[in-house]
Amino acid sequence: MTEDHFYQPKDSKDAMRYIERLFNRYKDAPITQELVDYNHNLTASLRDDIATAATAEMVPNRHDAAIKMADEMDRWARVRAAGQPYRGELKHFKFVGEASTPRFKARTIKNNQRGAMRGSRH
């Protein structure tokens, strides 16, 4: 029962996906010492355990991606410690800025169709 308490990744890619998901959850949270320590623990595990596992799995690209992902998470800590917002997220183990993703505006059109005024004009 206690063995099921912690998440056990199948391989290095699974572990990197899990850390990426965790990072994207807390990246906008107010900065505290506990959060900085948690981020430091995740980056240390990326650099040590996961990068070593990727090398053992014979995937050098994943090893490089783990190191770059840890560097980006360190950059997050520096940006947030300076009091600035972190504009972006990690996607596919890389930094993606907010400005690089397109924003689509939903135009509200009133017509005689149902569907909460979301009629499309093609």
N, C-alpha and C. Protein backbone atom coordinates (compact mmCIF):
# COMPACT_ATOMS: atom_id res chain seq x y z
N MET A 1 0.82 -1.20 0.00
CA MET A 1 0.00 0.00 0.00
C MET A 1 0.86 1.25 0.00
N THR A 2 1.93 1.27 0.78
CA THR A 2 2.77 2.47 0.83
C THR A 2 3.58 2.63 -0.45
N GLU A 3 3.80 1.54 -1.21
CA GLU A 3 4.54 1.65 -2.45
C GLU A 3 3.75 2.41 -3.51
N ASP A 4 2.42 2.39 -3.42
CA ASP A 4 1.58 3.07 -4.39
C ASP A 4 1.41 4.55 -4.08
N HIS A 5 1.98 5.00 -2.97
CA HIS A 5 1.78 6.39 -2.55
C HIS A 5 2.52 7.37 -3.46
N PHE A 6 3.70 7.02 -3.93
CA PHE A 6 4.50 7.91 -4.75
C PHE A 6 4.39 7.52 -6.21
N TYR A 7 4.53 8.51 -7.08
CA TYR A 7 4.46 8.27 -8.52
C TYR A 7 5.74 7.60 -8.99
N GLN A 8 5.62 6.51 -9.71
CA GLN A 8 6.77 5.80 -10.25
C GLN A 8 6.72 5.88 -11.77
N PRO A 9 7.57 6.69 -12.39
CA PRO A 9 7.55 6.79 -13.85
C PRO A 9 8.10 5.53 -14.51
N LYS A 10 7.62 5.29 -15.73
CA LYS A 10 8.05 4.10 -16.47
C LYS A 10 9.44 4.29 -17.07
N ASP A 11 9.70 5.50 -17.59
CA ASP A 11 11.00 5.80 -18.18
C ASP A 11 11.29 7.29 -18.01
N SER A 12 12.38 7.75 -18.60
CA SER A 12 12.78 9.14 -18.41
C SER A 12 11.79 10.11 -19.06
N LYS A 13 11.20 9.73 -20.17
CA LYS A 13 10.23 10.61 -20.83
C LYS A 13 8.98 10.79 -19.97
N ASP A 14 8.53 9.72 -19.36
CA ASP A 14 7.38 9.79 -18.47
C ASP A 14 7.67 10.69 -17.28
N ALA A 15 8.87 10.58 -16.73
CA ALA A 15 9.25 11.43 -15.60
C ALA A 15 9.33 12.90 -16.02
N MET A 16 9.85 13.16 -17.22
CA MET A 16 9.94 14.54 -17.70
C MET A 16 8.55 15.13 -17.94
N ARG A 17 7.65 14.34 -18.46
CA ARG A 17 6.27 14.81 -18.66
C ARG A 17 5.62 15.16 -17.33
N TYR A 18 5.86 14.34 -16.32
CA TYR A 18 5.28 14.57 -15.00
C TYR A 18 5.83 15.85 -14.39
N ILE A 19 7.13 16.06 -14.48
CA ILE A 19 7.74 17.27 -13.93
C ILE A 19 7.27 18.50 -14.71
N GLU A 20 7.12 18.37 -16.02
CA GLU A 20 6.61 19.48 -16.83
C GLU A 20 5.19 19.86 -16.40
N ARG A 21 4.35 18.87 -16.15
CA ARG A 21 2.99 19.13 -15.71
C ARG A 21 2.98 19.80 -14.34
N LEU A 22 3.83 19.33 -13.44
CA LEU A 22 3.93 19.95 -12.11
C LEU A 22 4.40 21.40 -12.22
N PHE A 23 5.42 21.65 -13.04
CA PHE A 23 5.96 23.00 -13.19
C PHE A 23 4.90 23.95 -13.74
N ASN A 24 4.15 23.52 -14.73
CA ASN A 24 3.14 24.39 -15.32
C ASN A 24 2.01 24.68 -14.34
N ARG A 25 1.85 23.85 -13.31
CA ARG A 25 0.85 24.14 -12.29
C ARG A 25 1.31 25.23 -11.33
N TYR A 26 2.57 25.20 -10.93
CA TYR A 26 3.01 26.14 -9.90
C TYR A 26 3.75 27.35 -10.44
N LYS A 27 3.93 27.49 -11.73
CA LYS A 27 4.74 28.58 -12.28
C LYS A 27 4.16 29.96 -12.00
N ASP A 28 2.86 30.09 -11.84
CA ASP A 28 2.23 31.39 -11.59
C ASP A 28 1.88 31.61 -10.13
N ALA A 29 2.20 30.67 -9.27
CA ALA A 29 1.87 30.79 -7.85
C ALA A 29 2.77 31.85 -7.20
N PRO A 30 2.30 32.45 -6.10
CA PRO A 30 3.15 33.40 -5.38
C PRO A 30 4.42 32.70 -4.89
N ILE A 31 5.54 33.38 -5.04
CA ILE A 31 6.84 32.76 -4.72
C ILE A 31 7.05 32.70 -3.21
N THR A 32 7.39 31.53 -2.74
CA THR A 32 7.71 31.31 -1.33
C THR A 32 9.00 30.49 -1.27
N GLN A 33 9.58 30.41 -0.09
CA GLN A 33 10.81 29.62 0.06
C GLN A 33 10.55 28.14 -0.18
N GLU A 34 9.38 27.66 0.22
CA GLU A 34 9.03 26.25 -0.01
C GLU A 34 8.94 25.95 -1.50
N LEU A 35 8.38 26.90 -2.26
CA LEU A 35 8.25 26.71 -3.70
C LEU A 35 9.62 26.73 -4.38
N VAL A 36 10.50 27.61 -3.93
CA VAL A 36 11.85 27.66 -4.48
C VAL A 36 12.60 26.36 -4.18
N ASP A 37 12.45 25.85 -2.96
CA ASP A 37 13.10 24.59 -2.60
C ASP A 37 12.54 23.43 -3.42
N TYR A 38 11.22 23.42 -3.63
CA TYR A 38 10.58 22.37 -4.42
C TYR A 38 11.09 22.42 -5.86
N ASN A 39 11.20 23.62 -6.41
CA ASN A 39 11.71 23.78 -7.77
C ASN A 39 13.16 23.31 -7.85
N HIS A 40 13.94 23.62 -6.82
CA HIS A 40 15.34 23.20 -6.80
C HIS A 40 15.45 21.67 -6.75
N ASN A 41 14.58 21.03 -5.99
CA ASN A 41 14.58 19.56 -5.92
C ASN A 41 14.22 18.94 -7.27
N LEU A 42 13.25 19.55 -7.96
CA LEU A 42 12.86 19.02 -9.27
C LEU A 42 13.99 19.19 -10.29
N THR A 43 14.65 20.35 -10.28
CA THR A 43 15.75 20.56 -11.23
C THR A 43 16.93 19.63 -10.92
N ALA A 44 17.18 19.39 -9.64
CA ALA A 44 18.26 18.47 -9.27
C ALA A 44 17.95 17.05 -9.74
N SER A 45 16.69 16.63 -9.61
CA SER A 45 16.33 15.29 -10.09
C SER A 45 16.39 15.22 -11.61
N LEU A 46 16.06 16.32 -12.29
CA LEU A 46 16.18 16.34 -13.75
C LEU A 46 17.63 16.19 -14.17
N ARG A 47 18.51 16.94 -13.52
CA ARG A 47 19.92 16.92 -13.91
C ARG A 47 20.60 15.60 -13.54
N ASP A 48 20.25 15.05 -12.40
CA ASP A 48 20.96 13.85 -11.92
C ASP A 48 20.27 12.57 -12.37
N ASP A 49 19.09 12.32 -11.85
CA ASP A 49 18.45 11.02 -12.05
C ASP A 49 17.91 10.84 -13.47
N ILE A 50 17.16 11.82 -13.94
CA ILE A 50 16.46 11.65 -15.22
C ILE A 50 17.43 11.75 -16.39
N ALA A 51 18.40 12.66 -16.32
CA ALA A 51 19.39 12.75 -17.39
C ALA A 51 20.24 11.48 -17.45
N THR A 52 20.57 10.93 -16.30
CA THR A 52 21.32 9.68 -16.26
C THR A 52 20.49 8.53 -16.81
N ALA A 53 19.21 8.51 -16.47
CA ALA A 53 18.33 7.46 -17.00
C ALA A 53 18.17 7.58 -18.51
N ALA A 54 18.11 8.81 -19.02
CA ALA A 54 18.00 9.00 -20.47
C ALA A 54 19.26 8.52 -21.18
N THR A 55 20.41 8.74 -20.56
CA THR A 55 21.66 8.24 -21.14
C THR A 55 21.68 6.72 -21.11
N ALA A 56 21.19 6.13 -20.03
CA ALA A 56 21.15 4.67 -19.93
C ALA A 56 20.17 4.07 -20.92
N GLU A 57 19.11 4.83 -21.27
CA GLU A 57 18.13 4.36 -22.26
C GLU A 57 18.61 4.59 -23.69
N MET A 58 19.81 5.12 -23.84
CA MET A 58 20.42 5.39 -25.16
C MET A 58 19.62 6.42 -25.95
N VAL A 59 19.15 7.48 -25.27
CA VAL A 59 18.42 8.55 -25.93
C VAL A 59 19.14 9.87 -25.62
N PRO A 60 20.14 10.24 -26.41
CA PRO A 60 20.91 11.46 -26.10
C PRO A 60 20.08 12.74 -26.24
N ASN A 61 19.11 12.75 -27.13
CA ASN A 61 18.27 13.95 -27.28
C ASN A 61 17.46 14.22 -26.02
N ARG A 62 17.00 13.18 -25.38
CA ARG A 62 16.23 13.33 -24.15
C ARG A 62 17.13 13.81 -23.01
N HIS A 63 18.38 13.36 -23.00
CA HIS A 63 19.34 13.84 -22.00
C HIS A 63 19.53 15.35 -22.15
N ASP A 64 19.72 15.81 -23.38
CA ASP A 64 19.89 17.25 -23.63
C ASP A 64 18.62 18.02 -23.27
N ALA A 65 17.46 17.44 -23.59
CA ALA A 65 16.19 18.11 -23.27
C ALA A 65 16.00 18.22 -21.76
N ALA A 66 16.42 17.22 -21.01
CA ALA A 66 16.29 17.27 -19.55
C ALA A 66 17.18 18.37 -18.97
N ILE A 67 18.39 18.51 -19.49
CA ILE A 67 19.30 19.55 -19.01
C ILE A 67 18.75 20.93 -19.36
N LYS A 68 18.24 21.10 -20.58
CA LYS A 68 17.68 22.40 -20.98
C LYS A 68 16.41 22.73 -20.20
N MET A 69 15.63 21.71 -19.90
CA MET A 69 14.42 21.92 -19.10
C MET A 69 14.78 22.35 -17.69
N ALA A 70 15.82 21.77 -17.12
CA ALA A 70 16.28 22.17 -15.78
C ALA A 70 16.82 23.60 -15.81
N ASP A 71 17.52 23.97 -16.88
CA ASP A 71 18.02 25.34 -17.01
C ASP A 71 16.87 26.34 -17.09
N GLU A 72 15.82 25.97 -17.81
CA GLU A 72 14.65 26.86 -17.93
C GLU A 72 13.94 27.00 -16.59
N MET A 73 13.89 25.92 -15.82
CA MET A 73 13.27 26.00 -14.50
C MET A 73 14.11 26.85 -13.54
N ASP A 74 15.43 26.83 -13.71
CA ASP A 74 16.29 27.72 -12.93
C ASP A 74 16.06 29.18 -13.33
N ARG A 75 15.85 29.40 -14.63
CA ARG A 75 15.57 30.77 -15.11
C ARG A 75 14.25 31.27 -14.52
N TRP A 76 13.27 30.37 -14.37
CA TRP A 76 12.00 30.74 -13.74
C TRP A 76 12.24 31.25 -12.33
N ALA A 77 13.10 30.56 -11.58
CA ALA A 77 13.37 30.96 -10.20
C ALA A 77 14.02 32.34 -10.15
N ARG A 78 14.94 32.61 -11.07
CA ARG A 78 15.59 33.93 -11.10
C ARG A 78 14.61 35.03 -11.47
N VAL A 79 13.76 34.77 -12.46
CA VAL A 79 12.78 35.77 -12.90
C VAL A 79 11.79 36.07 -11.79
N ARG A 80 11.28 35.04 -11.14
CA ARG A 80 10.30 35.24 -10.08
C ARG A 80 10.93 35.87 -8.84
N ALA A 81 12.20 35.56 -8.56
CA ALA A 81 12.88 36.17 -7.42
C ALA A 81 13.10 37.66 -7.65
N ALA A 82 13.20 38.06 -8.92
CA ALA A 82 13.34 39.48 -9.26
C ALA A 82 12.01 40.21 -9.20
N GLY A 83 10.92 39.49 -8.96
CA GLY A 83 9.60 40.10 -8.84
C GLY A 83 8.88 40.28 -10.15
N GLN A 84 9.36 39.66 -11.21
CA GLN A 84 8.73 39.79 -12.52
C GLN A 84 7.88 38.56 -12.81
N PRO A 85 6.85 38.71 -13.62
CA PRO A 85 6.03 37.54 -13.98
C PRO A 85 6.76 36.66 -15.00
N TYR A 86 6.50 35.39 -14.92
CA TYR A 86 7.08 34.42 -15.86
C TYR A 86 6.07 34.25 -16.99
N ARG A 87 6.37 34.76 -18.14
CA ARG A 87 5.43 34.76 -19.26
C ARG A 87 5.71 33.58 -20.19
N GLY A 88 5.01 32.51 -19.95
CA GLY A 88 5.16 31.33 -20.78
C GLY A 88 4.96 30.06 -19.97
N GLU A 89 5.26 28.94 -20.61
CA GLU A 89 5.12 27.65 -19.97
C GLU A 89 6.06 26.67 -20.63
N LEU A 90 6.16 25.49 -20.06
CA LEU A 90 6.93 24.42 -20.67
C LEU A 90 5.98 23.54 -21.48
N LYS A 91 6.35 23.32 -22.73
CA LYS A 91 5.55 22.46 -23.60
C LYS A 91 6.52 21.63 -24.43
N HIS A 92 6.37 20.34 -24.40
CA HIS A 92 7.28 19.41 -25.08
C HIS A 92 8.71 19.63 -24.62
N PHE A 93 8.86 19.87 -23.32
CA PHE A 93 10.14 20.03 -22.63
C PHE A 93 10.89 21.29 -23.05
N LYS A 94 10.20 22.26 -23.64
CA LYS A 94 10.82 23.52 -24.06
C LYS A 94 9.97 24.68 -23.59
N PHE A 95 10.60 25.84 -23.49
CA PHE A 95 9.88 27.05 -23.11
C PHE A 95 9.08 27.55 -24.30
N VAL A 96 7.81 27.87 -24.06
CA VAL A 96 6.94 28.46 -25.08
C VAL A 96 6.38 29.74 -24.48
N GLY A 97 6.70 30.87 -25.10
CA GLY A 97 6.22 32.15 -24.61
C GLY A 97 4.75 32.36 -24.89
N GLU A 98 4.14 33.26 -24.12
CA GLU A 98 2.72 33.54 -24.31
C GLU A 98 2.45 34.18 -25.66
N ALA A 99 3.36 35.01 -26.14
CA ALA A 99 3.14 35.73 -27.39
C ALA A 99 3.25 34.81 -28.61
N SER A 100 3.86 33.64 -28.46
CA SER A 100 4.05 32.76 -29.61
C SER A 100 2.82 31.93 -29.93
N THR A 101 1.86 31.86 -29.02
CA THR A 101 0.64 31.10 -29.28
C THR A 101 -0.45 32.05 -29.74
N PRO A 102 -1.14 31.72 -30.82
CA PRO A 102 -2.18 32.63 -31.32
C PRO A 102 -3.40 32.65 -30.40
N ARG A 103 -4.02 33.80 -30.32
CA ARG A 103 -5.24 33.97 -29.55
C ARG A 103 -6.39 34.20 -30.53
N PHE A 104 -7.45 33.46 -30.34
CA PHE A 104 -8.61 33.59 -31.20
C PHE A 104 -9.75 34.19 -30.40
N LYS A 105 -10.36 35.20 -30.96
CA LYS A 105 -11.49 35.83 -30.30
C LYS A 105 -12.77 35.22 -30.83
N ALA A 106 -13.67 34.89 -29.94
CA ALA A 106 -14.97 34.37 -30.34
C ALA A 106 -15.91 35.56 -30.51
N ARG A 107 -16.37 35.77 -31.70
CA ARG A 107 -17.27 36.88 -31.95
C ARG A 107 -18.69 36.43 -31.66
N THR A 108 -19.38 37.19 -30.85
CA THR A 108 -20.74 36.87 -30.49
C THR A 108 -21.66 37.45 -31.55
N ILE A 109 -22.40 36.56 -32.22
CA ILE A 109 -23.30 36.98 -33.29
C ILE A 109 -24.71 36.55 -32.90
N LYS A 110 -25.59 37.53 -32.84
CA LYS A 110 -26.98 37.21 -32.53
C LYS A 110 -27.71 36.86 -33.82
N ASN A 111 -28.23 35.67 -33.88
CA ASN A 111 -29.05 35.29 -35.02
C ASN A 111 -30.15 34.37 -34.51
N ASN A 112 -30.87 33.77 -35.39
CA ASN A 112 -32.03 32.98 -35.00
C ASN A 112 -31.68 31.51 -34.75
N GLN A 113 -30.45 31.24 -34.38
CA GLN A 113 -30.06 29.87 -34.09
C GLN A 113 -29.91 29.68 -32.59
N ARG A 114 -29.97 28.42 -32.18
CA ARG A 114 -29.74 28.10 -30.78
C ARG A 114 -28.24 27.95 -30.54
N GLY A 115 -27.87 27.92 -29.27
CA GLY A 115 -26.46 27.68 -28.96
C GLY A 115 -25.78 28.86 -28.32
N ALA A 116 -26.50 29.62 -27.51
CA ALA A 116 -25.93 30.71 -26.71
C ALA A 116 -25.23 31.75 -27.57
N MET A 117 -25.86 32.17 -28.62
CA MET A 117 -25.38 33.25 -29.49
C MET A 117 -24.00 32.97 -30.07
N ARG A 118 -23.76 31.76 -30.49
CA ARG A 118 -22.47 31.42 -31.10
C ARG A 118 -22.69 30.98 -32.55
N GLY A 119 -23.43 31.74 -33.30
CA GLY A 119 -23.66 31.40 -34.68
C GLY A 119 -22.42 31.66 -35.51
N SER A 120 -22.12 30.77 -36.42
CA SER A 120 -20.92 30.95 -37.24
C SER A 120 -21.32 31.46 -38.61
N ARG A 121 -20.54 32.38 -39.11
CA ARG A 121 -20.76 32.93 -40.45
C ARG A 121 -19.60 32.50 -41.32
N HIS A 122 -19.80 31.46 -42.07
CA HIS A 122 -18.71 30.94 -42.90
C HIS A 122 -18.70 31.63 -44.24
